[in-house]
Amino acid sequence: MLNAHEVVIEVPKFDVPVILAFNAALWVVVIGMVAAVI
């Protein structure tokens, strides 16, 4: 978790749309896994 937070702190170098797209994809995967478990 700490590594993830460190990456987020260094993220401003990238374009915001890229960050949002990556975040959305990550949430889709997480929700998909949760749905599969349920």
N, C-alpha and C. Protein backbone atom coordinates (compact mmCIF):
# COMPACT_ATOMS: atom_id res chain seq x y z
N MET A 1 0.83 -1.20 0.00
CA MET A 1 0.00 0.00 0.00
C MET A 1 0.88 1.26 0.00
N LEU A 2 1.95 1.24 0.78
CA LEU A 2 2.82 2.42 0.85
C LEU A 2 3.42 2.72 -0.52
N ASN A 3 3.83 1.66 -1.25
CA ASN A 3 4.40 1.86 -2.58
C ASN A 3 3.38 2.52 -3.50
N ALA A 4 2.13 2.10 -3.42
CA ALA A 4 1.07 2.67 -4.25
C ALA A 4 0.93 4.17 -3.95
N HIS A 5 0.97 4.52 -2.67
CA HIS A 5 0.83 5.93 -2.30
C HIS A 5 2.02 6.75 -2.81
N GLU A 6 3.21 6.17 -2.77
CA GLU A 6 4.38 6.88 -3.25
C GLU A 6 4.25 7.14 -4.75
N VAL A 7 3.70 6.16 -5.48
CA VAL A 7 3.51 6.32 -6.92
C VAL A 7 2.51 7.44 -7.19
N VAL A 8 1.44 7.49 -6.39
CA VAL A 8 0.41 8.52 -6.56
C VAL A 8 1.00 9.91 -6.35
N ILE A 9 1.93 10.02 -5.40
CA ILE A 9 2.56 11.32 -5.11
C ILE A 9 3.39 11.80 -6.31
N GLU A 10 4.00 10.85 -7.04
CA GLU A 10 4.83 11.22 -8.18
C GLU A 10 4.03 11.35 -9.48
N VAL A 11 2.75 11.06 -9.41
CA VAL A 11 1.88 11.03 -10.59
C VAL A 11 1.69 12.35 -11.35
N PRO A 12 1.71 13.52 -10.68
CA PRO A 12 1.47 14.80 -11.37
C PRO A 12 2.28 14.99 -12.65
N LYS A 13 3.34 14.22 -12.85
CA LYS A 13 4.14 14.34 -14.07
C LYS A 13 3.33 13.88 -15.28
N PHE A 14 2.38 12.96 -15.04
CA PHE A 14 1.59 12.40 -16.14
C PHE A 14 0.34 13.23 -16.41
N ASP A 15 -0.28 12.96 -17.56
CA ASP A 15 -1.53 13.67 -17.89
C ASP A 15 -2.65 13.14 -17.02
N VAL A 16 -3.52 14.03 -16.58
CA VAL A 16 -4.64 13.63 -15.72
C VAL A 16 -5.54 12.59 -16.39
N PRO A 17 -5.89 12.74 -17.67
CA PRO A 17 -6.75 11.75 -18.33
C PRO A 17 -6.19 10.34 -18.24
N VAL A 18 -4.87 10.22 -18.33
CA VAL A 18 -4.22 8.91 -18.25
C VAL A 18 -4.43 8.33 -16.85
N ILE A 19 -4.27 9.18 -15.83
CA ILE A 19 -4.46 8.74 -14.45
C ILE A 19 -5.90 8.29 -14.23
N LEU A 20 -6.85 9.08 -14.72
CA LEU A 20 -8.27 8.75 -14.55
C LEU A 20 -8.60 7.46 -15.28
N ALA A 21 -8.06 7.28 -16.47
CA ALA A 21 -8.33 6.06 -17.25
C ALA A 21 -7.78 4.85 -16.51
N PHE A 22 -6.55 4.97 -15.97
CA PHE A 22 -5.94 3.87 -15.22
C PHE A 22 -6.76 3.56 -13.98
N ASN A 23 -7.20 4.61 -13.28
CA ASN A 23 -8.02 4.44 -12.08
C ASN A 23 -9.33 3.73 -12.42
N ALA A 24 -9.98 4.16 -13.50
CA ALA A 24 -11.24 3.55 -13.93
C ALA A 24 -11.04 2.07 -14.24
N ALA A 25 -9.96 1.76 -14.97
CA ALA A 25 -9.68 0.37 -15.32
C ALA A 25 -9.44 -0.45 -14.06
N LEU A 26 -8.71 0.14 -13.11
CA LEU A 26 -8.42 -0.56 -11.86
C LEU A 26 -9.71 -0.87 -11.10
N TRP A 27 -10.62 0.12 -11.05
CA TRP A 27 -11.90 -0.08 -10.35
C TRP A 27 -12.74 -1.13 -11.05
N VAL A 28 -12.71 -1.15 -12.38
CA VAL A 28 -13.48 -2.15 -13.14
C VAL A 28 -13.00 -3.55 -12.75
N VAL A 29 -11.68 -3.71 -12.64
CA VAL A 29 -11.11 -5.01 -12.26
C VAL A 29 -11.53 -5.38 -10.85
N VAL A 30 -11.42 -4.42 -9.92
CA VAL A 30 -11.79 -4.67 -8.52
C VAL A 30 -13.26 -5.05 -8.40
N ILE A 31 -14.13 -4.27 -9.04
CA ILE A 31 -15.57 -4.54 -8.99
C ILE A 31 -15.86 -5.90 -9.62
N GLY A 32 -15.18 -6.21 -10.71
CA GLY A 32 -15.36 -7.50 -11.38
C GLY A 32 -15.00 -8.65 -10.45
N MET A 33 -13.90 -8.52 -9.72
CA MET A 33 -13.48 -9.57 -8.78
C MET A 33 -14.50 -9.72 -7.66
N VAL A 34 -14.98 -8.59 -7.13
CA VAL A 34 -15.97 -8.62 -6.06
C VAL A 34 -17.25 -9.29 -6.55
N ALA A 35 -17.68 -8.94 -7.76
CA ALA A 35 -18.90 -9.52 -8.34
C ALA A 35 -18.71 -11.02 -8.52
N ALA A 36 -17.51 -11.44 -8.92
CA ALA A 36 -17.23 -12.86 -9.12
C ALA A 36 -17.31 -13.61 -7.79
N VAL A 37 -16.82 -12.98 -6.73
CA VAL A 37 -16.85 -13.60 -5.41
C VAL A 37 -18.28 -13.74 -4.91
N ILE A 38 -19.07 -12.69 -5.17
CA ILE A 38 -20.47 -12.71 -4.72
C ILE A 38 -21.23 -13.73 -5.57
